[in-house]
Protein backbone atom coordinates (compact mmCIF):
# COMPACT_ATOMS: atom_id res chain seq x y z
CA MET A 1 73.68 132.53 123.08
CA GLY A 2 75.62 132.10 119.89
CA LYS A 3 77.90 134.68 118.30
CA LEU A 4 78.12 136.23 114.89
CA ILE A 5 81.34 135.18 113.13
CA LEU A 6 82.58 137.22 110.18
CA CYS A 7 84.34 134.95 107.72
CA THR A 8 87.93 135.68 106.82
CA GLY A 9 88.97 135.64 103.19
CA LYS A 10 87.04 134.15 100.33
CA THR A 11 85.23 130.87 99.95
CA ALA A 12 87.46 128.60 97.87
CA GLY A 13 86.36 127.47 94.42
CA LYS A 14 88.62 124.41 94.78
CA PRO A 15 88.81 122.89 98.27
CA TYR A 16 91.81 121.72 100.22
CA ILE A 17 91.48 118.01 100.97
CA PHE A 18 93.02 116.52 104.11
CA LYS A 19 94.53 113.21 103.11
CA ALA A 20 94.02 111.40 106.38
CA THR A 21 90.24 111.83 106.45
CA GLY A 22 89.25 112.94 102.95
CA THR A 23 87.66 116.08 104.43
CA LYS A 24 87.28 119.05 102.13
CA ILE A 25 87.55 122.58 103.48
CA TYR A 26 86.57 125.80 101.74
CA THR A 27 87.16 128.64 104.22
CA MET A 28 89.66 129.69 106.90
CA GLU A 29 86.97 129.06 109.51
CA GLU A 30 86.54 125.46 108.25
CA LEU A 31 90.30 125.05 108.43
CA CYS A 32 90.33 126.16 112.07
CA TYR A 33 87.45 123.87 112.91
CA TYR A 34 89.14 120.90 111.24
CA ILE A 35 92.40 121.49 113.06
CA TYR A 36 90.64 121.87 116.40
CA HIS A 37 88.80 118.57 116.07
CA ASN A 38 91.47 116.52 114.28
CA VAL A 39 94.67 117.37 116.06
CA GLU A 40 95.97 113.78 115.61
CA THR A 41 96.18 114.13 111.83
CA ILE A 42 97.27 117.70 111.19
CA SER A 43 101.04 117.69 111.65
CA GLU A 44 102.05 116.74 108.05
CA ASP A 45 99.42 118.92 106.36
CA LEU A 46 100.37 122.08 108.25
CA PHE A 47 103.89 121.92 106.79
CA ARG A 48 102.72 121.31 103.23
CA LEU A 49 103.19 124.06 100.68
CA GLU A 50 99.93 122.90 99.11
CA LEU A 51 98.00 124.15 102.17
CA ILE A 52 99.87 127.49 102.08
CA ASP A 53 99.12 127.84 98.38
CA PHE A 54 95.45 127.11 99.13
CA ILE A 55 95.37 129.92 101.74
CA ARG A 56 97.10 132.32 99.33
CA ASN A 57 95.34 131.51 96.03
CA GLU A 58 91.94 130.13 97.01
CA LEU A 59 91.21 132.09 100.17
CA GLY A 60 92.94 135.27 98.98
CA LEU A 61 94.91 135.64 102.25
CA THR A 62 98.25 136.51 100.68
CA GLU A 63 99.87 138.11 103.73
CA ARG A 64 98.90 135.24 105.99
CA ALA A 65 100.18 132.67 103.49
CA ASP A 66 103.50 134.51 103.16
CA TYR A 67 103.85 134.61 106.94
CA LEU A 68 103.07 130.90 107.26
CA GLU A 69 105.54 130.04 104.50
CA ASP A 70 108.21 131.97 106.35
CA LEU A 71 107.43 130.04 109.53
CA VAL A 72 107.68 126.72 107.69
CA LYS A 73 111.07 127.70 106.20
CA LYS A 74 112.30 128.54 109.72
CA ARG A 75 111.18 125.09 110.85
CA VAL A 76 109.11 126.41 113.74
CA GLY A 77 107.07 124.11 115.94
CA ILE A 78 103.58 123.00 115.14
CA LYS A 79 102.07 125.17 117.88
CA ASP A 80 103.40 128.34 116.24
CA LEU A 81 101.72 127.37 112.98
CA VAL A 82 98.43 126.55 114.70
CA VAL A 83 98.40 129.90 116.56
CA SER A 84 99.15 131.78 113.38
CA ILE A 85 96.29 130.05 111.54
CA PHE A 86 93.83 130.54 114.39
CA CYS A 87 94.73 134.24 114.63
CA SER A 88 93.57 134.55 111.01
CA ALA A 89 89.97 133.96 111.98
CA ASP A 90 87.67 134.89 114.86
CA TYR A 91 86.40 131.35 115.27
CA TYR A 92 87.89 130.22 118.62
CA ASP A 93 88.59 132.35 121.69
CA LYS A 94 91.80 132.45 123.73
CA ASN A 95 90.76 129.75 126.20
CA GLU A 96 89.80 127.36 123.39
CA ILE A 97 93.09 127.93 121.61
CA ASN A 98 95.04 127.29 124.84
CA HIS A 99 93.07 124.07 125.31
CA LEU A 100 94.11 122.94 121.84
CA LEU A 101 97.73 123.81 122.54
CA THR A 102 97.58 121.67 125.69
CA GLU A 103 96.22 118.77 123.58
CA ILE A 104 99.12 119.20 121.18
CA ASP A 105 101.56 119.07 124.09
CA VAL A 106 100.00 115.76 125.20
CA LEU A 107 100.36 114.39 121.66
CA TYR A 108 103.98 115.42 121.32
CA ARG A 109 104.98 113.95 124.64
CA MET A 110 104.41 110.61 122.91
CA ASN A 111 107.32 109.06 121.06
CA PRO A 112 107.21 109.25 117.21
CA ALA A 113 105.90 105.69 116.78
CA GLN A 114 103.06 106.30 119.25
CA ARG A 115 102.09 109.52 117.46
CA LYS A 116 102.07 107.78 114.09
CA LYS A 117 99.99 104.94 115.58
CA ARG A 118 97.49 107.48 116.89
CA GLN A 119 97.21 109.05 113.47
CA ALA A 120 96.74 105.65 111.82
CA ASP A 121 94.07 104.75 114.42
CA TYR A 122 92.30 107.96 113.52
CA CYS A 123 92.27 107.04 109.85
CA MET A 124 90.94 103.61 110.78
CA ARG A 125 88.17 105.14 112.87
CA TYR A 126 87.04 107.40 110.03
CA GLY A 127 87.05 104.70 107.31
CA GLN A 128 90.23 105.75 105.54
CA TRP A 129 91.20 102.11 105.12
CA LYS A 130 94.01 102.45 102.57
CA GLU A 131 95.67 105.29 104.42
CA ALA A 132 95.38 103.42 107.75
CA MET A 133 96.99 100.33 106.23
CA ARG A 134 99.77 102.39 104.67
CA GLN A 135 100.56 104.08 107.95
CA TYR A 136 100.43 100.84 110.00
CA ARG A 137 102.82 99.15 107.59
CA ASN A 138 105.17 102.12 107.61
CA ILE A 139 105.38 101.91 111.39
CA LEU A 140 106.11 98.22 111.42
CA ASN A 141 108.61 98.43 108.57
CA GLY A 142 110.59 101.26 110.13
CA LYS A 143 112.97 101.35 113.07
CA GLU A 144 110.45 103.26 115.18
CA PHE A 145 108.42 100.13 115.95
CA MET A 146 110.98 99.42 118.69
CA GLU A 147 109.55 102.38 120.62
CA LEU A 148 106.14 100.66 120.88
CA THR A 149 105.10 98.54 123.82
CA GLY A 150 104.16 94.94 123.14
CA GLU A 151 100.49 95.87 123.63
CA GLU A 152 100.71 98.77 121.12
CA TYR A 153 102.50 96.55 118.60
CA GLY A 154 99.79 93.90 119.03
CA ASP A 155 97.04 96.45 118.57
CA ILE A 156 98.57 97.52 115.22
CA LEU A 157 98.63 93.90 114.10
CA HIS A 158 95.00 93.52 115.22
CA ASN A 159 93.91 96.48 113.10
CA ILE A 160 95.83 95.22 110.11
CA GLY A 161 93.95 91.93 110.59
CA VAL A 162 90.68 93.84 110.52
CA LEU A 163 91.69 95.51 107.25
CA GLU A 164 92.73 92.22 105.69
CA ALA A 165 89.44 90.64 106.71
CA ARG A 166 87.59 93.53 105.04
CA ASN A 167 89.25 92.50 101.80
CA GLY A 168 88.25 88.86 102.28
CA ALA A 169 91.80 87.74 103.07
CA PHE A 170 90.70 85.73 106.12
CA LEU A 171 93.74 83.44 106.30
CA VAL A 172 96.12 86.38 106.25
CA ALA A 173 93.90 88.14 108.79
CA SER A 174 94.00 85.13 111.09
CA ASP A 175 97.84 85.23 111.19
CA LYS A 176 97.70 88.91 112.12
CA PHE A 177 95.16 88.33 114.87
CA ARG A 178 97.14 85.43 116.30
CA GLU A 179 100.30 87.53 116.37
CA ALA A 180 98.34 90.38 117.91
CA TYR A 181 96.97 88.14 120.68
CA GLU A 182 100.47 86.85 121.50
CA ARG A 183 101.58 90.45 122.08
CA ASN A 184 98.57 92.28 123.51
CA HIS A 185 96.80 89.32 125.21
CA ARG A 186 93.42 90.94 124.40
CA GLU A 187 90.42 88.66 124.36
CA GLU A 188 89.09 90.54 121.31
CA SER A 189 92.20 89.63 119.29
CA LEU A 190 91.79 85.97 120.28
CA LYS A 191 88.13 86.01 119.24
CA GLN A 192 88.94 87.63 115.88
CA TYR A 193 91.69 85.07 115.30
CA LEU A 194 89.22 82.22 115.70
CA TYR A 195 86.54 83.98 113.66
CA ALA A 196 89.01 84.54 110.81
CA LEU A 197 90.09 80.89 110.89
CA LYS A 198 86.47 79.86 110.72
CA ALA A 199 85.79 82.20 107.83
CA SER A 200 88.80 80.88 105.95
CA GLU A 201 87.22 77.42 106.13
CA HIS A 202 90.19 75.83 107.92
CA GLN A 203 87.95 73.78 110.19
CA GLU A 204 90.68 71.48 111.46
CA ASN A 205 92.92 74.40 112.42
CA PHE A 206 89.95 76.15 114.01
CA GLU A 207 89.07 73.21 116.24
CA ARG A 208 92.70 72.72 117.27
CA GLU A 209 93.15 76.36 118.16
CA VAL A 210 89.89 76.47 120.12
CA ARG A 211 91.15 73.58 122.28
CA MET A 212 94.52 75.37 122.73
CA TYR A 213 93.37 78.91 123.48
CA VAL A 214 89.82 78.87 124.92
CA GLY A 215 90.06 78.26 128.64
CA THR A 216 86.57 79.14 129.96
CA ARG A 217 83.07 78.02 129.10
CA GLU A 218 81.90 81.63 129.15
CA LEU A 219 84.37 82.63 126.47
CA LEU A 220 83.55 79.56 124.38
CA ALA A 221 79.83 80.35 124.63
CA SER A 222 80.53 83.92 123.55
CA ILE A 223 82.57 82.75 120.54
CA GLU A 224 79.94 80.21 119.50
CA GLU A 225 77.18 82.83 119.66
CA GLU A 226 79.24 85.27 117.60
CA LEU A 227 80.06 82.56 115.04
CA PHE A 228 76.37 81.79 114.65
CA ARG A 229 75.74 85.47 113.80
CA MET A 230 78.68 85.43 111.41
CA GLN A 231 77.31 82.40 109.59
CA GLU A 232 73.95 84.11 109.29
CA SER A 233 75.60 87.04 107.60
CA SER A 234 78.33 85.13 105.70
CA GLU A 235 76.67 85.67 102.32
CA TYR A 236 76.70 89.42 102.90
CA THR A 237 80.32 89.31 104.02
CA SER A 238 81.39 87.39 100.93
CA MET A 239 79.53 89.71 98.60
CA ASN A 240 80.98 92.76 100.39
CA ALA A 241 84.50 91.35 99.80
CA GLU A 242 83.73 90.83 96.13
CA VAL A 243 82.49 94.44 95.75
CA LYS A 244 85.66 95.67 97.44
CA HIS A 245 87.71 93.61 94.95
CA LEU A 246 85.79 95.20 92.08
CA GLU A 247 86.68 98.65 93.39
CA GLU A 248 90.34 97.74 93.46
CA LEU A 249 90.25 96.35 89.93
CA LYS A 250 88.67 99.56 88.68
CA GLU A 251 91.18 101.71 90.48
CA LYS A 252 94.03 99.71 88.93
CA GLY A 253 92.55 100.10 85.43
CA LYS A 254 91.98 96.39 84.94
CA MET A 255 88.72 97.06 83.13
CA GLN A 256 88.32 93.75 81.27
CA GLU A 257 88.70 91.73 84.48
CA TYR A 258 86.45 94.27 86.23
CA TYR A 259 83.58 93.84 83.76
CA GLU A 260 83.95 90.05 83.82
CA GLN A 261 83.70 90.04 87.61
CA VAL A 262 80.68 92.43 87.48
CA ASP A 263 78.90 90.10 85.10
CA HIS A 264 79.66 87.11 87.35
CA LEU A 265 78.38 88.88 90.46
CA LEU A 266 75.20 90.04 88.70
CA LYS A 267 74.51 86.51 87.48
CA ARG A 268 74.81 85.19 91.04
CA ILE A 269 72.40 87.87 92.35
CA LYS A 270 69.89 87.11 89.60
CA ASP A 271 70.10 83.36 90.19
CA LYS A 272 69.54 83.82 93.90
CA TYR A 273 66.58 86.13 93.23
CA ARG A 274 64.98 83.54 90.95
CA LEU A 275 65.44 80.81 93.54
CA ASN A 276 63.87 82.90 96.25
CA SER A 277 61.00 83.87 94.00
CA LEU A 278 59.90 80.26 93.41
C-alpha cells in the first residue's frame, strides 16, 4: 500500500534548477527525491546560498532556511545538511535516510578526483554534455588528476573523445581515444579510436593503425561490421554535427553566420529530397 504524504511548504513559482542535470524542482518533497536519487551531484548545490534562498523565498520555509544557512556558515558536513533537509518533509523514512547516508559515506571514501569523475560521468549519462566536458577538463587540468589510476584517467579521455565526436571533431576525438586506450587498455577505446580515424577520412592512418593494434580476426570482424553500420548512418552523423554547430553559433550570438549556415543546410536537404523524388 502507498502512503499519503502532506507536502511541506508552498509550491514554488520559480523552480530551483540543478546545474548538473538541468532538473527543476518546485517543492521540498521534490528536493528530497532529487537528492535521494542523485547523490553524486548534490555536494556543490547543497552549499549554495541560492538553494537556501529558494527554500526561504519560494517554499516559504523561513526557519528551515535560516537553520540550513547557519549550518553552511559552520562548515558542517554534507550528511548534516542532508538530514536537515530530509527532516523538513515526511517523504522518506528513517531506514531510507540511513541508506542514503551510507551511500554518501561510500562516495566520500573516494579521493576528490574520483568523486569529481563520478559527478562528471553522471552529467555524461544524463546528456549534460557541456557540463560533463567542463568537469572532465577541470579534473585533467588540476593537480588532482594524479590521484586517478591509469584506467580512470583513460576513461576520462575516452569520454572526452565521445564528446568531441558528437561535435564532429573526429580527428581530435581519435587522439583522445588513442590516449585513452594506452592508459585503460579497453577494447572499446581502441574501437572508437579506429572509428574516429575512419570518420575523419584519414584512410592511410586508419589502415596503418589497424595493422598495428588489431591482433585477432574476431576483433577485426567486429570493427568491420561496426564500420559498415557507421557508413550507413554517416549522412545522419554529419547532419547531426552540423545542427550541433548551429546551436553553438546561436548561443554565441553569431546570428549572421547562424542564418547563413541554416540556409546552406536547408538547401542540402531540399536538393536531396528532389533527387530522391525523381
